[in-house]
């Protein structure tokens, strides 16, 4: 959901299923994406060569979304273990003639020989927190996620 009010458009590229993004809650957004810990199954042989023992079903992402603004996201009911579908703000990329998107695509663009896309990913909430600086009138929040 993007946010909007009578005072103007405060849209963000970020979207969650089941939770809104009110005006003044999404400025200063950041999102990180990394492989889940279980996808890193690397071992060295007796000769010192590094081998990848991971299996494809563990090629999943973890993500942290943080915001620092004047309002919190509409997060009532966001509990660890809940499933949430996220239209990510992070872009992934592949070589245009050589690859293809590995997740559902929300938006795409091409630059030179590369295609960049924003994925839509189904995550479980791992952790969520909000903090308030009363005098500074700033609300910080973060949402930790792991792909289902």
C-alpha atoms as a PDB file:
ATOM      1  CA  UNK A   1       0.000   0.000   0.000  1.00  0.00           C
ATOM      2  CA  UNK A   2       1.358   3.412  -0.760  1.00  0.00           C
ATOM      3  CA  UNK A   3       0.510   6.316   1.475  1.00  0.00           C
ATOM      4  CA  UNK A   4      -1.392   9.409   0.435  1.00  0.00           C
ATOM      5  CA  UNK A   5      -3.185  12.311   2.103  1.00  0.00           C
ATOM      6  CA  UNK A   6      -5.110  15.464   1.183  1.00  0.00           C
ATOM      7  CA  UNK A   7      -1.903  17.474   1.667  1.00  0.00           C
ATOM      8  CA  UNK A   8      -0.119  15.755  -1.222  1.00  0.00           C
ATOM      9  CA  UNK A   9       1.264  12.471  -2.438  1.00  0.00           C
ATOM     10  CA  UNK A  10       3.647  10.756   0.009  1.00  0.00           C
ATOM     11  CA  UNK A  11       4.043   7.558  -1.979  1.00  0.00           C
ATOM     12  CA  UNK A  12       6.750   5.012  -1.427  1.00  0.00           C
ATOM     13  CA  UNK A  13       7.811   2.074  -3.560  1.00  0.00           C
ATOM     14  CA  UNK A  14       7.544  -0.164  -0.495  1.00  0.00           C
ATOM     15  CA  UNK A  15       4.344  -2.154  -0.085  1.00  0.00           C
ATOM     16  CA  UNK A  16       3.326  -4.809   2.463  1.00  0.00           C
ATOM     17  CA  UNK A  17       0.266  -7.017   2.432  1.00  0.00           C
ATOM     18  CA  UNK A  18      -1.832  -6.640   5.552  1.00  0.00           C
ATOM     19  CA  UNK A  19      -0.181  -3.458   6.841  1.00  0.00           C
ATOM     20  CA  UNK A  20      -0.488   0.098   5.683  1.00  0.00           C
ATOM     21  CA  UNK A  21       2.151   2.750   5.290  1.00  0.00           C
ATOM     22  CA  UNK A  22       0.656   6.025   6.602  1.00  0.00           C
ATOM     23  CA  UNK A  23       1.840   9.459   5.472  1.00  0.00           C
ATOM     24  CA  UNK A  24       5.101  10.506   7.156  1.00  0.00           C
ATOM     25  CA  UNK A  25       6.106   6.947   8.060  1.00  0.00           C
ATOM     26  CA  UNK A  26       8.172   5.997   5.010  1.00  0.00           C
ATOM     27  CA  UNK A  27      10.685   8.780   4.440  1.00  0.00           C
ATOM     28  CA  UNK A  28      14.231   7.622   5.006  1.00  0.00           C
ATOM     29  CA  UNK A  29      13.431   3.993   4.234  1.00  0.00           C
ATOM     30  CA  UNK A  30      16.260   1.496   3.890  1.00  0.00           C
ATOM     31  CA  UNK A  31      16.108  -2.181   3.019  1.00  0.00           C
ATOM     32  CA  UNK A  32      18.839  -4.788   3.192  1.00  0.00           C
ATOM     33  CA  UNK A  33      18.676  -8.199   1.532  1.00  0.00           C
ATOM     34  CA  UNK A  34      21.076 -11.071   2.145  1.00  0.00           C
ATOM     35  CA  UNK A  35      21.050 -14.850   1.785  1.00  0.00           C
ATOM     36  CA  UNK A  36      19.613 -16.708   4.789  1.00  0.00           C
ATOM     37  CA  UNK A  37      22.256 -18.276   7.025  1.00  0.00           C
ATOM     38  CA  UNK A  38      21.231 -21.811   6.033  1.00  0.00           C
ATOM     39  CA  UNK A  39      22.135 -21.109   2.384  1.00  0.00           C
ATOM     40  CA  UNK A  40      25.821 -20.813   3.276  1.00  0.00           C
ATOM     41  CA  UNK A  41      27.014 -24.426   3.277  1.00  0.00           C
ATOM     42  CA  UNK A  42      30.653 -24.018   2.283  1.00  0.00           C
ATOM     43  CA  UNK A  43      33.348 -26.543   3.240  1.00  0.00           C
ATOM     44  CA  UNK A  44      37.004 -26.993   2.414  1.00  0.00           C
ATOM     45  CA  UNK A  45      38.366 -30.271   1.107  1.00  0.00           C
ATOM     46  CA  UNK A  46      41.474 -31.890   2.488  1.00  0.00           C
ATOM     47  CA  UNK A  47      43.348 -30.156  -0.381  1.00  0.00           C
ATOM     48  CA  UNK A  48      42.018 -26.721   0.628  1.00  0.00           C
ATOM     49  CA  UNK A  49      39.504 -26.251  -2.211  1.00  0.00           C
ATOM     50  CA  UNK A  50      36.297 -24.485  -1.175  1.00  0.00           C
ATOM     51  CA  UNK A  51      33.161 -26.454  -2.104  1.00  0.00           C
ATOM     52  CA  UNK A  52      29.514 -25.372  -2.090  1.00  0.00           C
ATOM     53  CA  UNK A  53      27.305 -28.027  -0.451  1.00  0.00           C
ATOM     54  CA  UNK A  54      24.135 -25.925  -0.378  1.00  0.00           C
ATOM     55  CA  UNK A  55      20.924 -27.063  -2.018  1.00  0.00           C
ATOM     56  CA  UNK A  56      18.631 -24.877  -4.128  1.00  0.00           C
ATOM     57  CA  UNK A  57      15.693 -24.959  -1.703  1.00  0.00           C
ATOM     58  CA  UNK A  58      17.817 -22.935   0.776  1.00  0.00           C
ATOM     59  CA  UNK A  59      18.532 -20.154  -1.744  1.00  0.00           C
ATOM     60  CA  UNK A  60      16.297 -17.683   0.078  1.00  0.00           C
ATOM     61  CA  UNK A  61      16.631 -14.150   1.398  1.00  0.00           C
ATOM     62  CA  UNK A  62      16.478 -12.416   4.733  1.00  0.00           C
ATOM     63  CA  UNK A  63      15.693  -8.720   4.797  1.00  0.00           C
ATOM     64  CA  UNK A  64      15.597  -5.795   7.193  1.00  0.00           C
ATOM     65  CA  UNK A  65      13.467  -2.743   6.433  1.00  0.00           C
ATOM     66  CA  UNK A  66      14.057   0.381   8.512  1.00  0.00           C
ATOM     67  CA  UNK A  67      12.340   3.746   8.571  1.00  0.00           C
ATOM     68  CA  UNK A  68      12.925   7.001  10.432  1.00  0.00           C
ATOM     69  CA  UNK A  69      10.081   9.487  10.145  1.00  0.00           C
ATOM     70  CA  UNK A  70       7.277  11.173  12.095  1.00  0.00           C
ATOM     71  CA  UNK A  71       4.739   8.303  12.107  1.00  0.00           C
ATOM     72  CA  UNK A  72       5.007   4.526  12.553  1.00  0.00           C
ATOM     73  CA  UNK A  73       3.797   2.105   9.884  1.00  0.00           C
ATOM     74  CA  UNK A  74       0.374   0.568  10.510  1.00  0.00           C
ATOM     75  CA  UNK A  75       1.921  -2.351  12.343  1.00  0.00           C
ATOM     76  CA  UNK A  76      -0.758  -3.367  14.794  1.00  0.00           C
ATOM     77  CA  UNK A  77      -0.949  -7.144  14.580  1.00  0.00           C
ATOM     78  CA  UNK A  78       2.497  -7.629  13.005  1.00  0.00           C
ATOM     79  CA  UNK A  79       3.833 -10.524  15.091  1.00  0.00           C
ATOM     80  CA  UNK A  80       6.834 -12.810  14.636  1.00  0.00           C
ATOM     81  CA  UNK A  81       5.758 -15.782  12.540  1.00  0.00           C
ATOM     82  CA  UNK A  82       3.152 -13.856  10.532  1.00  0.00           C
ATOM     83  CA  UNK A  83       3.424 -14.035   6.759  1.00  0.00           C
ATOM     84  CA  UNK A  84       3.756 -10.753   4.861  1.00  0.00           C
ATOM     85  CA  UNK A  85       4.161 -10.151   1.128  1.00  0.00           C
ATOM     86  CA  UNK A  86       6.608  -7.342   0.422  1.00  0.00           C
ATOM     87  CA  UNK A  87       7.078  -5.325  -2.764  1.00  0.00           C
ATOM     88  CA  UNK A  88      10.747  -4.626  -2.085  1.00  0.00           C
ATOM     89  CA  UNK A  89      12.546  -1.337  -2.601  1.00  0.00           C
ATOM     90  CA  UNK A  90      15.856  -3.174  -3.096  1.00  0.00           C
ATOM     91  CA  UNK A  91      16.650  -4.023  -6.707  1.00  0.00           C
ATOM     92  CA  UNK A  92      18.211  -7.260  -7.947  1.00  0.00           C
ATOM     93  CA  UNK A  93      19.960  -7.468 -11.327  1.00  0.00           C
ATOM     94  CA  UNK A  94      21.000  -9.935 -13.999  1.00  0.00           C
ATOM     95  CA  UNK A  95      22.723  -9.760 -17.369  1.00  0.00           C
ATOM     96  CA  UNK A  96      19.880  -9.177 -19.847  1.00  0.00           C
ATOM     97  CA  UNK A  97      20.782 -11.810 -22.432  1.00  0.00           C
ATOM     98  CA  UNK A  98      22.027 -14.354 -19.907  1.00  0.00           C
ATOM     99  CA  UNK A  99      19.607 -14.487 -16.994  1.00  0.00           C
ATOM    100  CA  UNK A 100      16.083 -13.992 -15.776  1.00  0.00           C
ATOM    101  CA  UNK A 101      14.407 -12.808 -12.581  1.00  0.00           C
ATOM    102  CA  UNK A 102      14.525 -15.320  -9.741  1.00  0.00           C
ATOM    103  CA  UNK A 103      11.489 -13.853  -7.955  1.00  0.00           C
ATOM    104  CA  UNK A 104       8.154 -12.280  -8.916  1.00  0.00           C
ATOM    105  CA  UNK A 105       8.800  -8.878 -10.507  1.00  0.00           C
ATOM    106  CA  UNK A 106       7.143  -5.678  -9.248  1.00  0.00           C
ATOM    107  CA  UNK A 107       9.019  -3.268 -11.537  1.00  0.00           C
ATOM    108  CA  UNK A 108      11.855  -3.538 -14.021  1.00  0.00           C
ATOM    109  CA  UNK A 109      14.309  -1.316 -15.858  1.00  0.00           C
ATOM    110  CA  UNK A 110      17.189  -1.926 -18.228  1.00  0.00           C
ATOM    111  CA  UNK A 111      20.517  -0.156 -18.228  1.00  0.00           C
ATOM    112  CA  UNK A 112      23.165  -1.195 -20.714  1.00  0.00           C
ATOM    113  CA  UNK A 113      23.513  -4.986 -20.688  1.00  0.00           C
ATOM    114  CA  UNK A 114      21.725  -5.400 -17.350  1.00  0.00           C
ATOM    115  CA  UNK A 115      18.114  -5.690 -16.217  1.00  0.00           C
ATOM    116  CA  UNK A 116      17.261  -4.434 -12.739  1.00  0.00           C
ATOM    117  CA  UNK A 117      14.069  -5.485 -11.000  1.00  0.00           C
ATOM    118  CA  UNK A 118      12.271  -4.986  -7.713  1.00  0.00           C
ATOM    119  CA  UNK A 119      11.123  -8.371  -6.409  1.00  0.00           C
ATOM    120  CA  UNK A 120       7.942  -9.263  -4.576  1.00  0.00           C
ATOM    121  CA  UNK A 121       8.809 -11.782  -1.863  1.00  0.00           C
ATOM    122  CA  UNK A 122       6.729 -13.686   0.682  1.00  0.00           C
ATOM    123  CA  UNK A 123       8.408 -13.396   4.082  1.00  0.00           C
ATOM    124  CA  UNK A 124       7.742 -14.380   7.679  1.00  0.00           C
ATOM    125  CA  UNK A 125       8.182 -11.674  10.280  1.00  0.00           C
ATOM    126  CA  UNK A 126      11.140 -12.505  12.509  1.00  0.00           C
ATOM    127  CA  UNK A 127      11.169  -9.322  14.607  1.00  0.00           C
ATOM    128  CA  UNK A 128       9.613  -5.861  14.646  1.00  0.00           C
ATOM    129  CA  UNK A 129      10.341  -2.800  16.759  1.00  0.00           C
ATOM    130  CA  UNK A 130       9.428   0.865  17.006  1.00  0.00           C
ATOM    131  CA  UNK A 131      11.240   3.576  18.942  1.00  0.00           C
ATOM    132  CA  UNK A 132      10.188   7.147  19.652  1.00  0.00           C
ATOM    133  CA  UNK A 133      12.324  10.227  20.235  1.00  0.00           C
ATOM    134  CA  UNK A 134       9.669  12.420  21.862  1.00  0.00           C
ATOM    135  CA  UNK A 135      11.569  15.709  21.807  1.00  0.00           C
ATOM    136  CA  UNK A 136      12.965  15.110  18.344  1.00  0.00           C
ATOM    137  CA  UNK A 137       9.523  14.058  17.070  1.00  0.00           C
ATOM    138  CA  UNK A 138      11.098  11.101  15.260  1.00  0.00           C
ATOM    139  CA  UNK A 139       9.860   7.540  15.132  1.00  0.00           C
ATOM    140  CA  UNK A 140      12.271   4.844  14.082  1.00  0.00           C
ATOM    141  CA  UNK A 141      11.166   1.352  13.185  1.00  0.00           C
ATOM    142  CA  UNK A 142      12.607  -1.849  11.816  1.00  0.00           C
ATOM    143  CA  UNK A 143      11.169  -5.047  10.456  1.00  0.00           C
ATOM    144  CA  UNK A 144      13.298  -8.226  10.227  1.00  0.00           C
ATOM    145  CA  UNK A 145      12.071 -10.807   7.711  1.00  0.00           C
ATOM    146  CA  UNK A 146      13.003 -14.211   6.290  1.00  0.00           C
ATOM    147  CA  UNK A 147      11.687 -15.648   3.036  1.00  0.00           C
ATOM    148  CA  UNK A 148       9.139 -18.446   3.404  1.00  0.00           C
END
